[in-house]
Every structure is written in structure tokens, then in C-alpha cells.
């Protein structure tokens, strides 16, 4: 009996996994995936931002 429960749980887990994979790569998610992939390039560079802040601060 325990073997049947393990088999059912395994099949449900596999179906859930493949469902998530299908959802993640579906055509409806293409725009959201592209936006998420480009997020690191949208943020300003930390070194450049620090240099701008140092230039703006007047020195005594």
C-alpha cells in the first residue's frame, strides 16, 4: 500500500514540476521573462554612482 502512495506522490510531483516549466516558458510569459533578464542592466553601476556623489560634494 505504501508503494502506491509513493508512486502517486511521485507522479503528482512530476506533473507539478512539468506544469511549472510549461508555465514559465509559455508565450504569455515571454515579455515578463525578458524584463526580468534585463533588470541587472537597468540599474546604475555602483562605482559610477559613487564617483558622481563625490564630484557633487564640495570639499572644505
PDB file of N, CA and C in Angstrom:
ATOM      1  N   UNK A   1       0.818  -1.199   0.000  1.00  0.00           N
ATOM      2  CA  UNK A   1       0.000   0.000   0.000  1.00  0.00           C
ATOM      3  C   UNK A   1       0.863   1.265   0.000  1.00  0.00           C
ATOM      4  N   UNK A   2       1.946   1.223   0.745  1.00  0.00           N
ATOM      5  CA  UNK A   2       2.842   2.368   0.816  1.00  0.00           C
ATOM      6  C   UNK A   2       3.495   2.642  -0.536  1.00  0.00           C
ATOM      7  N   UNK A   3       3.760   1.587  -1.286  1.00  0.00           N
ATOM      8  CA  UNK A   3       4.359   1.760  -2.614  1.00  0.00           C
ATOM      9  C   UNK A   3       3.424   2.532  -3.539  1.00  0.00           C
ATOM     10  N   UNK A   4       2.127   2.281  -3.437  1.00  0.00           N
ATOM     11  CA  UNK A   4       1.155   3.001  -4.276  1.00  0.00           C
ATOM     12  C   UNK A   4       1.112   4.491  -3.904  1.00  0.00           C
ATOM     13  N   UNK A   5       1.180   4.783  -2.624  1.00  0.00           N
ATOM     14  CA  UNK A   5       1.175   6.174  -2.188  1.00  0.00           C
ATOM     15  C   UNK A   5       2.440   6.895  -2.664  1.00  0.00           C
ATOM     16  N   UNK A   6       3.562   6.208  -2.599  1.00  0.00           N
ATOM     17  CA  UNK A   6       4.806   6.794  -3.100  1.00  0.00           C
ATOM     18  C   UNK A   6       4.732   7.046  -4.604  1.00  0.00           C
ATOM     19  N   UNK A   7       4.157   6.117  -5.333  1.00  0.00           N
ATOM     20  CA  UNK A   7       4.025   6.278  -6.785  1.00  0.00           C
ATOM     21  C   UNK A   7       3.103   7.445  -7.114  1.00  0.00           C
ATOM     22  N   UNK A   8       1.990   7.559  -6.413  1.00  0.00           N
ATOM     23  CA  UNK A   8       1.051   8.660  -6.652  1.00  0.00           C
ATOM     24  C   UNK A   8       1.707   9.996  -6.318  1.00  0.00           C
ATOM     25  N   UNK A   9       2.427  10.053  -5.219  1.00  0.00           N
ATOM     26  CA  UNK A   9       3.108  11.293  -4.835  1.00  0.00           C
ATOM     27  C   UNK A   9       4.171  11.662  -5.866  1.00  0.00           C
ATOM     28  N   UNK A  10       4.887  10.687  -6.380  1.00  0.00           N
ATOM     29  CA  UNK A  10       5.907  10.943  -7.388  1.00  0.00           C
ATOM     30  C   UNK A  10       5.287  11.472  -8.675  1.00  0.00           C
ATOM     31  N   UNK A  11       4.190  10.865  -9.104  1.00  0.00           N
ATOM     32  CA  UNK A  11       3.519  11.308 -10.326  1.00  0.00           C
ATOM     33  C   UNK A  11       2.979  12.720 -10.148  1.00  0.00           C
ATOM     34  N   UNK A  12       2.390  13.022  -9.011  1.00  0.00           N
ATOM     35  CA  UNK A  12       1.883  14.373  -8.761  1.00  0.00           C
ATOM     36  C   UNK A  12       3.009  15.396  -8.734  1.00  0.00           C
ATOM     37  N   UNK A  13       4.128  15.045  -8.141  1.00  0.00           N
ATOM     38  CA  UNK A  13       5.270  15.954  -8.098  1.00  0.00           C
ATOM     39  C   UNK A  13       5.816  16.202  -9.505  1.00  0.00           C
ATOM     40  N   UNK A  14       5.889  15.158 -10.309  1.00  0.00           N
ATOM     41  CA  UNK A  14       6.369  15.318 -11.682  1.00  0.00           C
ATOM     42  C   UNK A  14       5.419  16.185 -12.498  1.00  0.00           C
ATOM     43  N   UNK A  15       4.119  15.962 -12.353  1.00  0.00           N
ATOM     44  CA  UNK A  15       3.142  16.779 -13.074  1.00  0.00           C
ATOM     45  C   UNK A  15       3.226  18.241 -12.649  1.00  0.00           C
ATOM     46  N   UNK A  16       3.411  18.478 -11.365  1.00  0.00           N
ATOM     47  CA  UNK A  16       3.562  19.846 -10.878  1.00  0.00           C
ATOM     48  C   UNK A  16       4.818  20.483 -11.452  1.00  0.00           C
ATOM     49  N   UNK A  17       5.915  19.748 -11.440  1.00  0.00           N
ATOM     50  CA  UNK A  17       7.174  20.257 -11.977  1.00  0.00           C
ATOM     51  C   UNK A  17       7.037  20.613 -13.452  1.00  0.00           C
ATOM     52  N   UNK A  18       6.499  19.706 -14.249  1.00  0.00           N
ATOM     53  CA  UNK A  18       6.356  19.973 -15.679  1.00  0.00           C
ATOM     54  C   UNK A  18       5.337  21.079 -15.944  1.00  0.00           C
ATOM     55  N   UNK A  19       4.338  21.208 -15.093  1.00  0.00           N
ATOM     56  CA  UNK A  19       3.388  22.310 -15.219  1.00  0.00           C
ATOM     57  C   UNK A  19       4.050  23.652 -14.981  1.00  0.00           C
ATOM     58  N   UNK A  20       4.912  23.731 -13.995  1.00  0.00           N
ATOM     59  CA  UNK A  20       5.646  24.973 -13.721  1.00  0.00           C
ATOM     60  C   UNK A  20       6.589  25.295 -14.872  1.00  0.00           C
ATOM     61  N   UNK A  21       7.273  24.291 -15.401  1.00  0.00           N
ATOM     62  CA  UNK A  21       8.167  24.504 -16.543  1.00  0.00           C
ATOM     63  C   UNK A  21       7.369  25.004 -17.744  1.00  0.00           C
ATOM     64  N   UNK A  22       6.233  24.404 -18.022  1.00  0.00           N
ATOM     65  CA  UNK A  22       5.381  24.825 -19.143  1.00  0.00           C
ATOM     66  C   UNK A  22       4.926  26.269 -18.946  1.00  0.00           C
ATOM     67  N   UNK A  23       4.496  26.604 -17.734  1.00  0.00           N
ATOM     68  CA  UNK A  23       4.038  27.965 -17.442  1.00  0.00           C
ATOM     69  C   UNK A  23       5.174  28.978 -17.600  1.00  0.00           C
ATOM     70  N   UNK A  24       6.362  28.647 -17.094  1.00  0.00           N
ATOM     71  CA  UNK A  24       7.484  29.583 -17.112  1.00  0.00           C
ATOM     72  C   UNK A  24       7.943  29.900 -18.534  1.00  0.00           C
ATOM     73  N   UNK A  25       7.850  28.945 -19.432  1.00  0.00           N
ATOM     74  CA  UNK A  25       8.332  29.144 -20.793  1.00  0.00           C
ATOM     75  C   UNK A  25       7.207  29.349 -21.800  1.00  0.00           C
ATOM     76  N   UNK A  26       5.987  29.600 -21.335  1.00  0.00           N
ATOM     77  CA  UNK A  26       4.870  29.820 -22.248  1.00  0.00           C
ATOM     78  C   UNK A  26       5.004  31.183 -22.923  1.00  0.00           C
ATOM     79  N   UNK A  27       4.314  31.360 -24.028  1.00  0.00           N
ATOM     80  CA  UNK A  27       4.400  32.606 -24.791  1.00  0.00           C
ATOM     81  C   UNK A  27       3.871  33.792 -24.003  1.00  0.00           C
ATOM     82  N   UNK A  28       2.934  33.587 -23.116  1.00  0.00           N
ATOM     83  CA  UNK A  28       2.397  34.674 -22.317  1.00  0.00           C
ATOM     84  C   UNK A  28       3.399  35.252 -21.332  1.00  0.00           C
ATOM     85  N   UNK A  29       4.422  34.493 -20.980  1.00  0.00           N
ATOM     86  CA  UNK A  29       5.437  34.942 -20.026  1.00  0.00           C
ATOM     87  C   UNK A  29       6.669  35.516 -20.714  1.00  0.00           C
ATOM     88  N   UNK A  30       6.673  35.547 -22.031  1.00  0.00           N
ATOM     89  CA  UNK A  30       7.869  35.968 -22.770  1.00  0.00           C
ATOM     90  C   UNK A  30       8.280  37.399 -22.400  1.00  0.00           C
ATOM     91  N   UNK A  31       7.323  38.314 -22.321  1.00  0.00           N
ATOM     92  CA  UNK A  31       7.639  39.705 -22.003  1.00  0.00           C
ATOM     93  C   UNK A  31       8.174  39.827 -20.570  1.00  0.00           C
ATOM     94  N   UNK A  32       7.529  39.159 -19.626  1.00  0.00           N
ATOM     95  CA  UNK A  32       7.971  39.218 -18.235  1.00  0.00           C
ATOM     96  C   UNK A  32       9.368  38.610 -18.078  1.00  0.00           C
ATOM     97  N   UNK A  33       9.640  37.527 -18.791  1.00  0.00           N
ATOM     98  CA  UNK A  33      10.965  36.907 -18.724  1.00  0.00           C
ATOM     99  C   UNK A  33      12.027  37.829 -19.304  1.00  0.00           C
ATOM    100  N   UNK A  34      11.714  38.524 -20.394  1.00  0.00           N
ATOM    101  CA  UNK A  34      12.675  39.448 -20.993  1.00  0.00           C
ATOM    102  C   UNK A  34      12.947  40.619 -20.051  1.00  0.00           C
ATOM    103  N   UNK A  35      11.913  41.136 -19.399  1.00  0.00           N
ATOM    104  CA  UNK A  35      12.111  42.234 -18.444  1.00  0.00           C
ATOM    105  C   UNK A  35      12.973  41.787 -17.268  1.00  0.00           C
ATOM    106  N   UNK A  36      12.703  40.600 -16.754  1.00  0.00           N
ATOM    107  CA  UNK A  36      13.477  40.087 -15.625  1.00  0.00           C
ATOM    108  C   UNK A  36      14.932  39.845 -16.021  1.00  0.00           C
ATOM    109  N   UNK A  37      15.159  39.405 -17.242  1.00  0.00           N
ATOM    110  CA  UNK A  37      16.528  39.152 -17.701  1.00  0.00           C
ATOM    111  C   UNK A  37      17.322  40.442 -17.842  1.00  0.00           C
ATOM    112  N   UNK A  38      16.656  41.545 -18.132  1.00  0.00           N
ATOM    113  CA  UNK A  38      17.349  42.817 -18.341  1.00  0.00           C
ATOM    114  C   UNK A  38      17.437  43.675 -17.085  1.00  0.00           C
ATOM    115  N   UNK A  39      16.890  43.248 -15.972  1.00  0.00           N
ATOM    116  CA  UNK A  39      16.929  44.035 -14.744  1.00  0.00           C
ATOM    117  C   UNK A  39      18.345  44.416 -14.295  1.00  0.00           C
ATOM    118  N   UNK A  40      19.326  43.529 -14.350  1.00  0.00           N
ATOM    119  CA  UNK A  40      20.667  43.931 -13.910  1.00  0.00           C
ATOM    120  C   UNK A  40      21.261  45.058 -14.745  1.00  0.00           C
ATOM    121  N   UNK A  41      20.829  45.195 -15.979  1.00  0.00           N
ATOM    122  CA  UNK A  41      21.383  46.217 -16.852  1.00  0.00           C
ATOM    123  C   UNK A  41      20.662  47.554 -16.710  1.00  0.00           C
ATOM    124  N   UNK A  42      19.503  47.557 -16.070  1.00  0.00           N
ATOM    125  CA  UNK A  42      18.726  48.779 -15.893  1.00  0.00           C
ATOM    126  C   UNK A  42      19.257  49.586 -14.713  1.00  0.00           C
ATOM    127  N   UNK A  43      19.766  48.906 -13.708  1.00  0.00           N
ATOM    128  CA  UNK A  43      20.266  49.572 -12.515  1.00  0.00           C
ATOM    129  C   UNK A  43      21.578  50.290 -12.817  1.00  0.00           C
ATOM    130  N   UNK A  44      21.794  51.444 -12.188  1.00  0.00           N
ATOM    131  CA  UNK A  44      23.068  52.143 -12.423  1.00  0.00           C
ATOM    132  C   UNK A  44      24.220  51.387 -11.756  1.00  0.00           C
ATOM    133  N   UNK A  45      25.390  51.541 -12.323  1.00  0.00           N
ATOM    134  CA  UNK A  45      26.571  50.910 -11.746  1.00  0.00           C
ATOM    135  C   UNK A  45      26.919  51.579 -10.425  1.00  0.00           C
ATOM    136  N   UNK A  46      27.336  50.794  -9.441  1.00  0.00           N
ATOM    137  CA  UNK A  46      27.636  51.330  -8.118  1.00  0.00           C
ATOM    138  C   UNK A  46      28.859  52.242  -8.152  1.00  0.00           C
ATOM    139  N   UNK A  47      29.876  51.877  -8.878  1.00  0.00           N
ATOM    140  CA  UNK A  47      31.088  52.693  -8.938  1.00  0.00           C
ATOM    141  C   UNK A  47      30.845  54.030  -9.587  1.00  0.00           C
ATOM    142  N   UNK A  48      30.054  54.061 -10.621  1.00  0.00           N
ATOM    143  CA  UNK A  48      29.754  55.312 -11.313  1.00  0.00           C
ATOM    144  C   UNK A  48      28.941  56.222 -10.402  1.00  0.00           C
ATOM    145  N   UNK A  49      28.005  55.644  -9.675  1.00  0.00           N
ATOM    146  CA  UNK A  49      27.163  56.437  -8.782  1.00  0.00           C
ATOM    147  C   UNK A  49      28.009  57.053  -7.660  1.00  0.00           C
ATOM    148  N   UNK A  50      28.945  56.295  -7.115  1.00  0.00           N
ATOM    149  CA  UNK A  50      29.809  56.825  -6.055  1.00  0.00           C
ATOM    150  C   UNK A  50      30.692  57.959  -6.584  1.00  0.00           C
ATOM    151  N   UNK A  51      31.174  57.839  -7.803  1.00  0.00           N
ATOM    152  CA  UNK A  51      32.006  58.888  -8.384  1.00  0.00           C
ATOM    153  C   UNK A  51      31.199  60.159  -8.584  1.00  0.00           C
ATOM    154  N   UNK A  52      29.948  60.031  -9.010  1.00  0.00           N
ATOM    155  CA  UNK A  52      29.098  61.208  -9.191  1.00  0.00           C
ATOM    156  C   UNK A  52      28.830  61.897  -7.853  1.00  0.00           C
ATOM    157  N   UNK A  53      28.612  61.104  -6.808  1.00  0.00           N
ATOM    158  CA  UNK A  53      28.359  61.674  -5.491  1.00  0.00           C
ATOM    159  C   UNK A  53      29.598  62.402  -4.973  1.00  0.00           C
ATOM    160  N   UNK A  54      30.769  61.859  -5.231  1.00  0.00           N
ATOM    161  CA  UNK A  54      31.998  62.513  -4.767  1.00  0.00           C
ATOM    162  C   UNK A  54      32.242  63.806  -5.515  1.00  0.00           C
ATOM    163  N   UNK A  55      31.898  63.867  -6.780  1.00  0.00           N
ATOM    164  CA  UNK A  55      32.085  65.091  -7.553  1.00  0.00           C
ATOM    165  C   UNK A  55      31.132  66.181  -7.108  1.00  0.00           C
ATOM    166  N   UNK A  56      29.933  65.806  -6.678  1.00  0.00           N
ATOM    167  CA  UNK A  56      28.927  66.778  -6.278  1.00  0.00           C
ATOM    168  C   UNK A  56      29.201  67.376  -4.907  1.00  0.00           C
ATOM    169  N   UNK A  57      29.912  66.658  -4.043  1.00  0.00           N
ATOM    170  CA  UNK A  57      30.170  67.143  -2.689  1.00  0.00           C
ATOM    171  C   UNK A  57      31.291  68.196  -2.716  1.00  0.00           C
ATOM    172  N   UNK A  58      31.018  69.405  -2.212  1.00  0.00           N
ATOM    173  CA  UNK A  58      32.091  70.413  -2.161  1.00  0.00           C
ATOM    174  C   UNK A  58      33.106  70.052  -1.079  1.00  0.00           C
ATOM    175  N   UNK A  59      34.354  70.289  -1.375  1.00  0.00           N
ATOM    176  CA  UNK A  59      35.398  69.984  -0.403  1.00  0.00           C
ATOM    177  C   UNK A  59      35.713  71.238   0.409  1.00  0.00           C
ATOM    178  N   UNK A  60      35.841  71.101   1.711  1.00  0.00           N
ATOM    179  CA  UNK A  60      36.137  72.276   2.571  1.00  0.00           C
ATOM    180  C   UNK A  60      37.569  72.717   2.489  1.00  0.00           C
TER     181      UNK A  60
END
